[in-house]
C-alpha cells in the first residue's frame, strides 16, 4: 500500500492543476509523477487522482516515445460524427424557386 503522505501530496497537486490541464496534459502530468515515484508509481497516482492505470500507462508511452506534441488537436483526426449528406430538394421546390435550408438544388445538365 502506498504511503498516505505521498498520496495526499499527489492529490493536492492534481487538484491544483486539473482545471488548467487538458486531457493530454493531465495524462502526461500523471505519467511524469508515476515515473518519478518509481516502482508502484502507477498504482499510487491512480489512487491519488482517480485516473485509470491504462491512462497513466499510455501517458508513460507518450513520454518515452519522445514524439513531439501536435498543436491544436487533442485526438487523432477522423474521429467524431461524419457530416450528413446534402439533401436534394424536390421538383416542387425547384419549380417555385424556394430553397430549403440544407438542400442542394439539382441542376439539369
PDB file of N, CA and C in Angstrom:
ATOM      1  N   UNK A   1       0.850  -1.186   0.000  1.00  0.00           N
ATOM      2  CA  UNK A   1       0.000   0.000   0.000  1.00  0.00           C
ATOM      3  C   UNK A   1       0.890   1.242   0.000  1.00  0.00           C
ATOM      4  N   UNK A   2       0.640   2.165  -0.911  1.00  0.00           N
ATOM      5  CA  UNK A   2       1.448   3.386  -0.957  1.00  0.00           C
ATOM      6  C   UNK A   2       1.280   4.233   0.302  1.00  0.00           C
ATOM      7  N   UNK A   3       2.289   5.028   0.588  1.00  0.00           N
ATOM      8  CA  UNK A   3       2.290   5.893   1.763  1.00  0.00           C
ATOM      9  C   UNK A   3       1.202   6.960   1.630  1.00  0.00           C
ATOM     10  N   UNK A   4       0.457   7.197   2.716  1.00  0.00           N
ATOM     11  CA  UNK A   4      -0.659   8.140   2.705  1.00  0.00           C
ATOM     12  C   UNK A   4      -0.191   9.569   2.454  1.00  0.00           C
ATOM     13  N   UNK A   5       0.995   9.935   2.938  1.00  0.00           N
ATOM     14  CA  UNK A   5       1.510  11.289   2.724  1.00  0.00           C
ATOM     15  C   UNK A   5       1.804  11.540   1.252  1.00  0.00           C
ATOM     16  N   UNK A   6       2.333  10.536   0.594  1.00  0.00           N
ATOM     17  CA  UNK A   6       2.632  10.664  -0.839  1.00  0.00           C
ATOM     18  C   UNK A   6       1.330  10.818  -1.625  1.00  0.00           C
ATOM     19  N   UNK A   7       0.343  10.011  -1.285  1.00  0.00           N
ATOM     20  CA  UNK A   7      -0.956  10.087  -1.971  1.00  0.00           C
ATOM     21  C   UNK A   7      -1.579  11.461  -1.763  1.00  0.00           C
ATOM     22  N   UNK A   8      -1.537  11.968  -0.537  1.00  0.00           N
ATOM     23  CA  UNK A   8      -2.100  13.299  -0.263  1.00  0.00           C
ATOM     24  C   UNK A   8      -1.370  14.392  -1.030  1.00  0.00           C
ATOM     25  N   UNK A   9      -0.052  14.278  -1.148  1.00  0.00           N
ATOM     26  CA  UNK A   9       0.735  15.264  -1.888  1.00  0.00           C
ATOM     27  C   UNK A   9       0.382  15.278  -3.364  1.00  0.00           C
ATOM     28  N   UNK A  10       0.283  14.091  -3.950  1.00  0.00           N
ATOM     29  CA  UNK A  10      -0.071  13.995  -5.365  1.00  0.00           C
ATOM     30  C   UNK A  10      -1.501  14.476  -5.580  1.00  0.00           C
ATOM     31  N   UNK A  11      -2.379  14.105  -4.677  1.00  0.00           N
ATOM     32  CA  UNK A  11      -3.785  14.521  -4.789  1.00  0.00           C
ATOM     33  C   UNK A  11      -3.920  16.044  -4.727  1.00  0.00           C
ATOM     34  N   UNK A  12      -3.172  16.693  -3.834  1.00  0.00           N
ATOM     35  CA  UNK A  12      -3.258  18.152  -3.733  1.00  0.00           C
ATOM     36  C   UNK A  12      -2.693  18.819  -4.987  1.00  0.00           C
ATOM     37  N   UNK A  13      -1.602  18.289  -5.536  1.00  0.00           N
ATOM     38  CA  UNK A  13      -1.055  18.837  -6.787  1.00  0.00           C
ATOM     39  C   UNK A  13      -2.041  18.657  -7.930  1.00  0.00           C
ATOM     40  N   UNK A  14      -2.633  17.473  -7.996  1.00  0.00           N
ATOM     41  CA  UNK A  14      -3.589  17.177  -9.061  1.00  0.00           C
ATOM     42  C   UNK A  14      -4.793  18.119  -8.985  1.00  0.00           C
ATOM     43  N   UNK A  15      -5.331  18.310  -7.789  1.00  0.00           N
ATOM     44  CA  UNK A  15      -6.485  19.197  -7.618  1.00  0.00           C
ATOM     45  C   UNK A  15      -6.151  20.645  -7.981  1.00  0.00           C
ATOM     46  N   UNK A  16      -4.906  21.047  -7.748  1.00  0.00           N
ATOM     47  CA  UNK A  16      -4.498  22.407  -8.095  1.00  0.00           C
ATOM     48  C   UNK A  16      -4.353  22.592  -9.601  1.00  0.00           C
ATOM     49  N   UNK A  17      -3.975  21.535 -10.311  1.00  0.00           N
ATOM     50  CA  UNK A  17      -3.688  21.641 -11.747  1.00  0.00           C
ATOM     51  C   UNK A  17      -4.826  21.204 -12.662  1.00  0.00           C
ATOM     52  N   UNK A  18      -5.722  20.379 -12.192  1.00  0.00           N
ATOM     53  CA  UNK A  18      -6.688  19.721 -13.075  1.00  0.00           C
ATOM     54  C   UNK A  18      -7.547  20.715 -13.864  1.00  0.00           C
ATOM     55  N   UNK A  19      -7.835  21.865 -13.321  1.00  0.00           N
ATOM     56  CA  UNK A  19      -8.646  22.838 -14.036  1.00  0.00           C
ATOM     57  C   UNK A  19      -7.918  23.483 -15.203  1.00  0.00           C
ATOM     58  N   UNK A  20      -6.590  23.509 -15.153  1.00  0.00           N
ATOM     59  CA  UNK A  20      -5.790  24.155 -16.191  1.00  0.00           C
ATOM     60  C   UNK A  20      -5.292  23.185 -17.256  1.00  0.00           C
ATOM     61  N   UNK A  21      -5.390  21.898 -17.001  1.00  0.00           N
ATOM     62  CA  UNK A  21      -4.855  20.903 -17.931  1.00  0.00           C
ATOM     63  C   UNK A  21      -5.949  20.349 -18.837  1.00  0.00           C
ATOM     64  N   UNK A  22      -5.576  20.108 -20.088  1.00  0.00           N
ATOM     65  CA  UNK A  22      -6.487  19.402 -20.973  1.00  0.00           C
ATOM     66  C   UNK A  22      -6.250  17.902 -20.781  1.00  0.00           C
ATOM     67  N   UNK A  23      -6.930  17.101 -21.569  1.00  0.00           N
ATOM     68  CA  UNK A  23      -6.853  15.648 -21.415  1.00  0.00           C
ATOM     69  C   UNK A  23      -5.418  15.133 -21.566  1.00  0.00           C
ATOM     70  N   UNK A  24      -4.734  15.606 -22.590  1.00  0.00           N
ATOM     71  CA  UNK A  24      -3.365  15.155 -22.847  1.00  0.00           C
ATOM     72  C   UNK A  24      -2.433  15.633 -21.749  1.00  0.00           C
ATOM     73  N   UNK A  25      -2.560  16.886 -21.326  1.00  0.00           N
ATOM     74  CA  UNK A  25      -1.702  17.419 -20.279  1.00  0.00           C
ATOM     75  C   UNK A  25      -1.876  16.681 -18.967  1.00  0.00           C
ATOM     76  N   UNK A  26      -3.106  16.357 -18.643  1.00  0.00           N
ATOM     77  CA  UNK A  26      -3.398  15.620 -17.420  1.00  0.00           C
ATOM     78  C   UNK A  26      -2.762  14.229 -17.469  1.00  0.00           C
ATOM     79  N   UNK A  27      -2.898  13.571 -18.606  1.00  0.00           N
ATOM     80  CA  UNK A  27      -2.337  12.230 -18.781  1.00  0.00           C
ATOM     81  C   UNK A  27      -0.817  12.259 -18.667  1.00  0.00           C
ATOM     82  N   UNK A  28      -0.190  13.241 -19.290  1.00  0.00           N
ATOM     83  CA  UNK A  28       1.260  13.329 -19.280  1.00  0.00           C
ATOM     84  C   UNK A  28       1.786  13.738 -17.903  1.00  0.00           C
ATOM     85  N   UNK A  29       1.068  14.626 -17.203  1.00  0.00           N
ATOM     86  CA  UNK A  29       1.483  15.002 -15.856  1.00  0.00           C
ATOM     87  C   UNK A  29       1.433  13.788 -14.930  1.00  0.00           C
ATOM     88  N   UNK A  30       0.346  13.031 -15.005  1.00  0.00           N
ATOM     89  CA  UNK A  30       0.200  11.843 -14.157  1.00  0.00           C
ATOM     90  C   UNK A  30       1.290  10.830 -14.473  1.00  0.00           C
ATOM     91  N   UNK A  31       1.630  10.688 -15.754  1.00  0.00           N
ATOM     92  CA  UNK A  31       2.691   9.763 -16.145  1.00  0.00           C
ATOM     93  C   UNK A  31       4.039  10.208 -15.590  1.00  0.00           C
ATOM     94  N   UNK A  32       4.314  11.505 -15.639  1.00  0.00           N
ATOM     95  CA  UNK A  32       5.574  12.022 -15.100  1.00  0.00           C
ATOM     96  C   UNK A  32       5.663  11.779 -13.597  1.00  0.00           C
ATOM     97  N   UNK A  33       4.554  11.957 -12.890  1.00  0.00           N
ATOM     98  CA  UNK A  33       4.533  11.685 -11.447  1.00  0.00           C
ATOM     99  C   UNK A  33       4.795  10.200 -11.172  1.00  0.00           C
ATOM    100  N   UNK A  34       4.164   9.335 -11.959  1.00  0.00           N
ATOM    101  CA  UNK A  34       4.338   7.893 -11.764  1.00  0.00           C
ATOM    102  C   UNK A  34       5.780   7.479 -12.027  1.00  0.00           C
ATOM    103  N   UNK A  35       6.389   8.046 -13.060  1.00  0.00           N
ATOM    104  CA  UNK A  35       7.787   7.729 -13.367  1.00  0.00           C
ATOM    105  C   UNK A  35       8.689   8.209 -12.235  1.00  0.00           C
ATOM    106  N   UNK A  36       8.422   9.398 -11.715  1.00  0.00           N
ATOM    107  CA  UNK A  36       9.247   9.949 -10.639  1.00  0.00           C
ATOM    108  C   UNK A  36       9.164   9.100  -9.367  1.00  0.00           C
ATOM    109  N   UNK A  37       8.014   8.502  -9.123  1.00  0.00           N
ATOM    110  CA  UNK A  37       7.854   7.670  -7.927  1.00  0.00           C
ATOM    111  C   UNK A  37       8.545   6.319  -8.069  1.00  0.00           C
ATOM    112  N   UNK A  38       8.740   5.858  -9.273  1.00  0.00           N
ATOM    113  CA  UNK A  38       9.404   4.568  -9.483  1.00  0.00           C
ATOM    114  C   UNK A  38       8.443   3.408  -9.298  1.00  0.00           C
ATOM    115  N   UNK A  39       8.943   2.332  -8.688  1.00  0.00           N
ATOM    116  CA  UNK A  39       8.126   1.131  -8.507  1.00  0.00           C
ATOM    117  C   UNK A  39       6.870   1.451  -7.697  1.00  0.00           C
ATOM    118  N   UNK A  40       5.715   1.055  -8.214  1.00  0.00           N
ATOM    119  CA  UNK A  40       4.447   1.311  -7.556  1.00  0.00           C
ATOM    120  C   UNK A  40       3.883   2.693  -7.850  1.00  0.00           C
ATOM    121  N   UNK A  41       4.560   3.445  -8.715  1.00  0.00           N
ATOM    122  CA  UNK A  41       4.134   4.801  -9.017  1.00  0.00           C
ATOM    123  C   UNK A  41       2.788   4.869  -9.730  1.00  0.00           C
ATOM    124  N   UNK A  42       2.546   3.940 -10.636  1.00  0.00           N
ATOM    125  CA  UNK A  42       1.275   3.945 -11.365  1.00  0.00           C
ATOM    126  C   UNK A  42       0.117   3.719 -10.401  1.00  0.00           C
ATOM    127  N   UNK A  43       0.263   2.749  -9.514  1.00  0.00           N
ATOM    128  CA  UNK A  43      -0.796   2.462  -8.542  1.00  0.00           C
ATOM    129  C   UNK A  43      -1.015   3.654  -7.609  1.00  0.00           C
ATOM    130  N   UNK A  44       0.056   4.290  -7.193  1.00  0.00           N
ATOM    131  CA  UNK A  44      -0.055   5.436  -6.288  1.00  0.00           C
ATOM    132  C   UNK A  44      -0.770   6.594  -6.957  1.00  0.00           C
ATOM    133  N   UNK A  45      -0.394   6.903  -8.199  1.00  0.00           N
ATOM    134  CA  UNK A  45      -1.023   8.012  -8.920  1.00  0.00           C
ATOM    135  C   UNK A  45      -2.482   7.689  -9.238  1.00  0.00           C
ATOM    136  N   UNK A  46      -2.778   6.438  -9.518  1.00  0.00           N
ATOM    137  CA  UNK A  46      -4.162   6.020  -9.767  1.00  0.00           C
ATOM    138  C   UNK A  46      -5.028   6.259  -8.533  1.00  0.00           C
ATOM    139  N   UNK A  47      -4.517   5.894  -7.377  1.00  0.00           N
ATOM    140  CA  UNK A  47      -5.267   6.092  -6.126  1.00  0.00           C
ATOM    141  C   UNK A  47      -5.448   7.581  -5.844  1.00  0.00           C
ATOM    142  N   UNK A  48      -4.385   8.358  -6.054  1.00  0.00           N
ATOM    143  CA  UNK A  48      -4.420   9.782  -5.708  1.00  0.00           C
ATOM    144  C   UNK A  48      -5.298  10.602  -6.654  1.00  0.00           C
ATOM    145  N   UNK A  49      -5.320  10.242  -7.934  1.00  0.00           N
ATOM    146  CA  UNK A  49      -6.020  11.071  -8.921  1.00  0.00           C
ATOM    147  C   UNK A  49      -7.353  10.507  -9.388  1.00  0.00           C
ATOM    148  N   UNK A  50      -7.518   9.215  -9.273  1.00  0.00           N
ATOM    149  CA  UNK A  50      -8.724   8.585  -9.794  1.00  0.00           C
ATOM    150  C   UNK A  50      -8.632   8.275 -11.276  1.00  0.00           C
ATOM    151  N   UNK A  51      -7.483   8.564 -11.891  1.00  0.00           N
ATOM    152  CA  UNK A  51      -7.286   8.239 -13.301  1.00  0.00           C
ATOM    153  C   UNK A  51      -7.055   6.742 -13.456  1.00  0.00           C
ATOM    154  N   UNK A  52      -7.410   6.233 -14.593  1.00  0.00           N
ATOM    155  CA  UNK A  52      -7.214   4.820 -14.887  1.00  0.00           C
ATOM    156  C   UNK A  52      -5.725   4.504 -15.016  1.00  0.00           C
ATOM    157  N   UNK A  53      -5.344   3.301 -14.603  1.00  0.00           N
ATOM    158  CA  UNK A  53      -3.945   2.900 -14.773  1.00  0.00           C
ATOM    159  C   UNK A  53      -3.582   2.823 -16.254  1.00  0.00           C
ATOM    160  N   UNK A  54      -4.550   2.494 -17.098  1.00  0.00           N
ATOM    161  CA  UNK A  54      -4.324   2.445 -18.547  1.00  0.00           C
ATOM    162  C   UNK A  54      -4.015   3.844 -19.078  1.00  0.00           C
ATOM    163  N   UNK A  55      -4.693   4.841 -18.571  1.00  0.00           N
ATOM    164  CA  UNK A  55      -4.440   6.227 -18.966  1.00  0.00           C
ATOM    165  C   UNK A  55      -3.017   6.625 -18.602  1.00  0.00           C
ATOM    166  N   UNK A  56      -2.577   6.257 -17.416  1.00  0.00           N
ATOM    167  CA  UNK A  56      -1.230   6.602 -16.968  1.00  0.00           C
ATOM    168  C   UNK A  56      -0.195   5.847 -17.783  1.00  0.00           C
ATOM    169  N   UNK A  57      -0.458   4.584 -18.083  1.00  0.00           N
ATOM    170  CA  UNK A  57       0.473   3.804 -18.917  1.00  0.00           C
ATOM    171  C   UNK A  57       0.586   4.405 -20.321  1.00  0.00           C
ATOM    172  N   UNK A  58      -0.532   4.839 -20.874  1.00  0.00           N
ATOM    173  CA  UNK A  58      -0.488   5.495 -22.185  1.00  0.00           C
ATOM    174  C   UNK A  58       0.329   6.778 -22.118  1.00  0.00           C
ATOM    175  N   UNK A  59       0.190   7.523 -21.037  1.00  0.00           N
ATOM    176  CA  UNK A  59       0.985   8.732 -20.854  1.00  0.00           C
ATOM    177  C   UNK A  59       2.473   8.427 -20.764  1.00  0.00           C
ATOM    178  N   UNK A  60       2.807   7.349 -20.085  1.00  0.00           N
ATOM    179  CA  UNK A  60       4.219   6.949 -19.986  1.00  0.00           C
ATOM    180  C   UNK A  60       4.762   6.596 -21.363  1.00  0.00           C
ATOM    181  N   UNK A  61       3.977   5.877 -22.154  1.00  0.00           N
ATOM    182  CA  UNK A  61       4.408   5.545 -23.520  1.00  0.00           C
ATOM    183  C   UNK A  61       4.631   6.809 -24.341  1.00  0.00           C
ATOM    184  N   UNK A  62       3.736   7.788 -24.188  1.00  0.00           N
ATOM    185  CA  UNK A  62       3.888   9.052 -24.916  1.00  0.00           C
ATOM    186  C   UNK A  62       5.173   9.762 -24.509  1.00  0.00           C
ATOM    187  N   UNK A  63       5.454   9.806 -23.207  1.00  0.00           N
ATOM    188  CA  UNK A  63       6.654  10.484 -22.732  1.00  0.00           C
ATOM    189  C   UNK A  63       7.919   9.769 -23.190  1.00  0.00           C
ATOM    190  N   UNK A  64       7.892   8.445 -23.177  1.00  0.00           N
ATOM    191  CA  UNK A  64       9.078   7.689 -23.551  1.00  0.00           C
ATOM    192  C   UNK A  64       9.310   7.653 -25.055  1.00  0.00           C
ATOM    193  N   UNK A  65       8.258   7.864 -25.836  1.00  0.00           N
ATOM    194  CA  UNK A  65       8.421   7.838 -27.294  1.00  0.00           C
ATOM    195  C   UNK A  65       9.191   9.055 -27.787  1.00  0.00           C
ATOM    196  N   UNK A  66       9.080  10.161 -27.070  1.00  0.00           N
ATOM    197  CA  UNK A  66       9.790  11.364 -27.471  1.00  0.00           C
ATOM    198  C   UNK A  66       9.184  12.058 -28.673  1.00  0.00           C
ATOM    199  N   UNK A  67       7.999  11.629 -29.098  1.00  0.00           N
ATOM    200  CA  UNK A  67       7.347  12.258 -30.247  1.00  0.00           C
ATOM    201  C   UNK A  67       6.893  13.661 -29.868  1.00  0.00           C
ATOM    202  N   UNK A  68       7.081  14.617 -30.770  1.00  0.00           N
ATOM    203  CA  UNK A  68       6.646  15.983 -30.447  1.00  0.00           C
ATOM    204  C   UNK A  68       5.131  16.080 -30.362  1.00  0.00           C
ATOM    205  N   UNK A  69       4.661  17.015 -29.570  1.00  0.00           N
ATOM    206  CA  UNK A  69       3.222  17.222 -29.417  1.00  0.00           C
ATOM    207  C   UNK A  69       2.675  17.917 -30.653  1.00  0.00           C
ATOM    208  N   UNK A  70       1.566  17.419 -31.150  1.00  0.00           N
ATOM    209  CA  UNK A  70       0.906  18.116 -32.245  1.00  0.00           C
ATOM    210  C   UNK A  70       0.081  19.247 -31.642  1.00  0.00           C
ATOM    211  N   UNK A  71       0.109  20.391 -32.288  1.00  0.00           N
ATOM    212  CA  UNK A  71      -0.602  21.533 -31.721  1.00  0.00           C
ATOM    213  C   UNK A  71      -2.033  21.574 -32.201  1.00  0.00           C
ATOM    214  N   UNK A  72      -2.918  21.962 -31.321  1.00  0.00           N
ATOM    215  CA  UNK A  72      -4.298  22.217 -31.689  1.00  0.00           C
ATOM    216  C   UNK A  72      -5.242  21.029 -31.637  1.00  0.00           C
ATOM    217  N   UNK A  73      -4.747  19.802 -31.667  1.00  0.00           N
ATOM    218  CA  UNK A  73      -5.635  18.641 -31.669  1.00  0.00           C
ATOM    219  C   UNK A  73      -5.428  17.830 -30.406  1.00  0.00           C
ATOM    220  N   UNK A  74      -6.520  17.389 -29.810  1.00  0.00           N
ATOM    221  CA  UNK A  74      -6.447  16.513 -28.655  1.00  0.00           C
ATOM    222  C   UNK A  74      -6.490  15.056 -29.091  1.00  0.00           C
ATOM    223  N   UNK A  75      -7.245  14.806 -30.132  1.00  0.00           N
ATOM    224  CA  UNK A  75      -7.426  13.431 -30.595  1.00  0.00           C
ATOM    225  C   UNK A  75      -7.007  13.315 -32.044  1.00  0.00           C
ATOM    226  N   UNK A  76      -6.863  12.092 -32.498  1.00  0.00           N
ATOM    227  CA  UNK A  76      -6.482  11.868 -33.883  1.00  0.00           C
ATOM    228  C   UNK A  76      -7.569  12.353 -34.827  1.00  0.00           C
ATOM    229  N   UNK A  77      -7.168  12.772 -36.012  1.00  0.00           N
ATOM    230  CA  UNK A  77      -8.156  13.234 -36.981  1.00  0.00           C
ATOM    231  C   UNK A  77      -8.998  12.060 -37.470  1.00  0.00           C
ATOM    232  N   UNK A  78     -10.207  12.368 -37.887  1.00  0.00           N
ATOM    233  CA  UNK A  78     -11.097  11.332 -38.389  1.00  0.00           C
ATOM    234  C   UNK A  78     -12.112  10.876 -37.354  1.00  0.00           C
ATOM    235  N   UNK A  79     -11.952  11.295 -36.125  1.00  0.00           N
ATOM    236  CA  UNK A  79     -12.885  10.903 -35.080  1.00  0.00           C
ATOM    237  C   UNK A  79     -14.144  11.760 -35.117  1.00  0.00           C
ATOM    238  N   UNK A  80     -15.128  11.327 -34.412  1.00  0.00           N
ATOM    239  CA  UNK A  80     -16.358  12.104 -34.329  1.00  0.00           C
ATOM    240  C   UNK A  80     -17.357  11.716 -35.400  1.00  0.00           C
ATOM    241  N   UNK A  81     -18.452  12.412 -35.389  1.00  0.00           N
ATOM    242  CA  UNK A  81     -19.515  12.111 -36.340  1.00  0.00           C
ATOM    243  C   UNK A  81     -19.195  12.688 -37.706  1.00  0.00           C
ATOM    244  N   UNK A  82     -19.649  12.000 -38.709  1.00  0.00           N
ATOM    245  CA  UNK A  82     -19.478  12.460 -40.078  1.00  0.00           C
ATOM    246  C   UNK A  82     -20.572  13.462 -40.410  1.00  0.00           C
ATOM    247  N   UNK A  83     -20.278  14.364 -41.342  1.00  0.00           N
ATOM    248  CA  UNK A  83     -21.273  15.341 -41.772  1.00  0.00           C
ATOM    249  C   UNK A  83     -22.386  14.616 -42.535  1.00  0.00           C
ATOM    250  N   UNK A  84     -23.623  15.025 -42.349  1.00  0.00           N
ATOM    251  CA  UNK A  84     -24.708  14.377 -43.087  1.00  0.00           C
ATOM    252  C   UNK A  84     -24.628  14.746 -44.566  1.00  0.00           C
ATOM    253  N   UNK A  85     -25.069  13.840 -45.435  1.00  0.00           N
ATOM    254  CA  UNK A  85     -25.036  14.155 -46.868  1.00  0.00           C
ATOM    255  C   UNK A  85     -26.043  15.251 -47.168  1.00  0.00           C
ATOM    256  N   UNK A  86     -25.777  16.076 -48.201  1.00  0.00           N
ATOM    257  CA  UNK A  86     -26.735  17.129 -48.540  1.00  0.00           C
ATOM    258  C   UNK A  86     -28.041  16.520 -49.048  1.00  0.00           C
ATOM    259  N   UNK A  87     -29.134  17.150 -48.696  1.00  0.00           N
ATOM    260  CA  UNK A  87     -30.454  16.679 -49.106  1.00  0.00           C
ATOM    261  C   UNK A  87     -30.774  17.304 -50.460  1.00  0.00           C
ATOM    262  N   UNK A  88     -31.263  16.488 -51.388  1.00  0.00           N
ATOM    263  CA  UNK A  88     -31.638  17.009 -52.701  1.00  0.00           C
ATOM    264  C   UNK A  88     -33.099  17.436 -52.643  1.00  0.00           C
ATOM    265  N   UNK A  89     -33.332  18.683 -53.031  1.00  0.00           N
ATOM    266  CA  UNK A  89     -34.672  19.243 -52.954  1.00  0.00           C
ATOM    267  C   UNK A  89     -35.581  18.591 -54.005  1.00  0.00           C
ATOM    268  N   UNK A  90     -36.854  18.646 -53.729  1.00  0.00           N
ATOM    269  CA  UNK A  90     -37.838  18.063 -54.642  1.00  0.00           C
ATOM    270  C   UNK A  90     -38.060  18.971 -55.842  1.00  0.00           C
ATOM    271  N   UNK A  91     -38.724  18.425 -56.847  1.00  0.00           N
ATOM    272  CA  UNK A  91     -39.007  19.191 -58.061  1.00  0.00           C
ATOM    273  C   UNK A  91     -39.916  20.383 -57.764  1.00  0.00           C
ATOM    274  N   UNK A  92     -40.782  20.255 -56.778  1.00  0.00           N
ATOM    275  CA  UNK A  92     -41.679  21.355 -56.438  1.00  0.00           C
ATOM    276  C   UNK A  92     -40.857  22.538 -55.952  1.00  0.00           C
ATOM    277  N   UNK A  93     -39.886  22.276 -55.104  1.00  0.00           N
ATOM    278  CA  UNK A  93     -39.028  23.346 -54.613  1.00  0.00           C
ATOM    279  C   UNK A  93     -38.267  23.996 -55.753  1.00  0.00           C
ATOM    280  N   UNK A  94     -37.842  23.183 -56.725  1.00  0.00           N
ATOM    281  CA  UNK A  94     -37.123  23.725 -57.874  1.00  0.00           C
ATOM    282  C   UNK A  94     -38.036  24.635 -58.698  1.00  0.00           C
ATOM    283  N   UNK A  95     -39.272  24.199 -58.906  1.00  0.00           N
ATOM    284  CA  UNK A  95     -40.188  24.969 -59.752  1.00  0.00           C
ATOM    285  C   UNK A  95     -40.546  26.314 -59.150  1.00  0.00           C
ATOM    286  N   UNK A  96     -40.786  26.324 -57.860  1.00  0.00           N
ATOM    287  CA  UNK A  96     -41.192  27.596 -57.261  1.00  0.00           C
ATOM    288  C   UNK A  96     -39.989  28.421 -56.795  1.00  0.00           C
ATOM    289  N   UNK A  97     -38.796  27.827 -56.893  1.00  0.00           N
ATOM    290  CA  UNK A  97     -37.577  28.565 -56.576  1.00  0.00           C
ATOM    291  C   UNK A  97     -37.310  28.748 -55.099  1.00  0.00           C
ATOM    292  N   UNK A  98     -37.950  27.934 -54.260  1.00  0.00           N
ATOM    293  CA  UNK A  98     -37.724  28.034 -52.817  1.00  0.00           C
ATOM    294  C   UNK A  98     -36.652  27.021 -52.445  1.00  0.00           C
ATOM    295  N   UNK A  99     -35.647  27.507 -51.759  1.00  0.00           N
ATOM    296  CA  UNK A  99     -34.568  26.621 -51.329  1.00  0.00           C
ATOM    297  C   UNK A  99     -34.690  26.393 -49.829  1.00  0.00           C
ATOM    298  N   UNK A 100     -34.859  25.144 -49.449  1.00  0.00           N
ATOM    299  CA  UNK A 100     -34.937  24.784 -48.038  1.00  0.00           C
ATOM    300  C   UNK A 100     -33.528  24.785 -47.436  1.00  0.00           C
ATOM    301  N   UNK A 101     -33.388  25.082 -46.148  1.00  0.00           N
ATOM    302  CA  UNK A 101     -32.070  25.048 -45.524  1.00  0.00           C
ATOM    303  C   UNK A 101     -31.464  23.658 -45.617  1.00  0.00           C
ATOM    304  N   UNK A 102     -30.233  23.592 -46.044  1.00  0.00           N
ATOM    305  CA  UNK A 102     -29.524  22.316 -46.152  1.00  0.00           C
ATOM    306  C   UNK A 102     -29.779  21.576 -47.446  1.00  0.00           C
ATOM    307  N   UNK A 103     -30.603  22.121 -48.332  1.00  0.00           N
ATOM    308  CA  UNK A 103     -30.895  21.473 -49.605  1.00  0.00           C
ATOM    309  C   UNK A 103     -29.941  21.926 -50.679  1.00  0.00           C
ATOM    310  N   UNK A 104     -29.634  21.015 -51.567  1.00  0.00           N
ATOM    311  CA  UNK A 104     -28.832  21.336 -52.737  1.00  0.00           C
ATOM    312  C   UNK A 104     -29.754  21.207 -53.934  1.00  0.00           C
ATOM    313  N   UNK A 105     -29.940  22.282 -54.677  1.00  0.00           N
ATOM    314  CA  UNK A 105     -30.813  22.234 -55.852  1.00  0.00           C
ATOM    315  C   UNK A 105     -30.077  21.517 -56.978  1.00  0.00           C
ATOM    316  N   UNK A 106     -30.736  20.515 -57.538  1.00  0.00           N
ATOM    317  CA  UNK A 106     -30.173  19.751 -58.624  1.00  0.00           C
ATOM    318  C   UNK A 106     -30.309  20.555 -59.910  1.00  0.00           C
ATOM    319  N   UNK A 107     -29.224  20.697 -60.622  1.00  0.00           N
ATOM    320  CA  UNK A 107     -29.289  21.430 -61.890  1.00  0.00           C
ATOM    321  C   UNK A 107     -29.408  20.430 -63.032  1.00  0.00           C
ATOM    322  N   UNK A 108     -30.147  20.808 -64.039  1.00  0.00           N
ATOM    323  CA  UNK A 108     -30.321  19.957 -65.217  1.00  0.00           C
ATOM    324  C   UNK A 108     -29.097  20.124 -66.112  1.00  0.00           C
ATOM    325  N   UNK A 109     -28.561  19.029 -66.592  1.00  0.00           N
ATOM    326  CA  UNK A 109     -27.380  19.090 -67.447  1.00  0.00           C
ATOM    327  C   UNK A 109     -27.739  19.078 -68.908  1.00  0.00           C
TER     328      UNK A 109
END
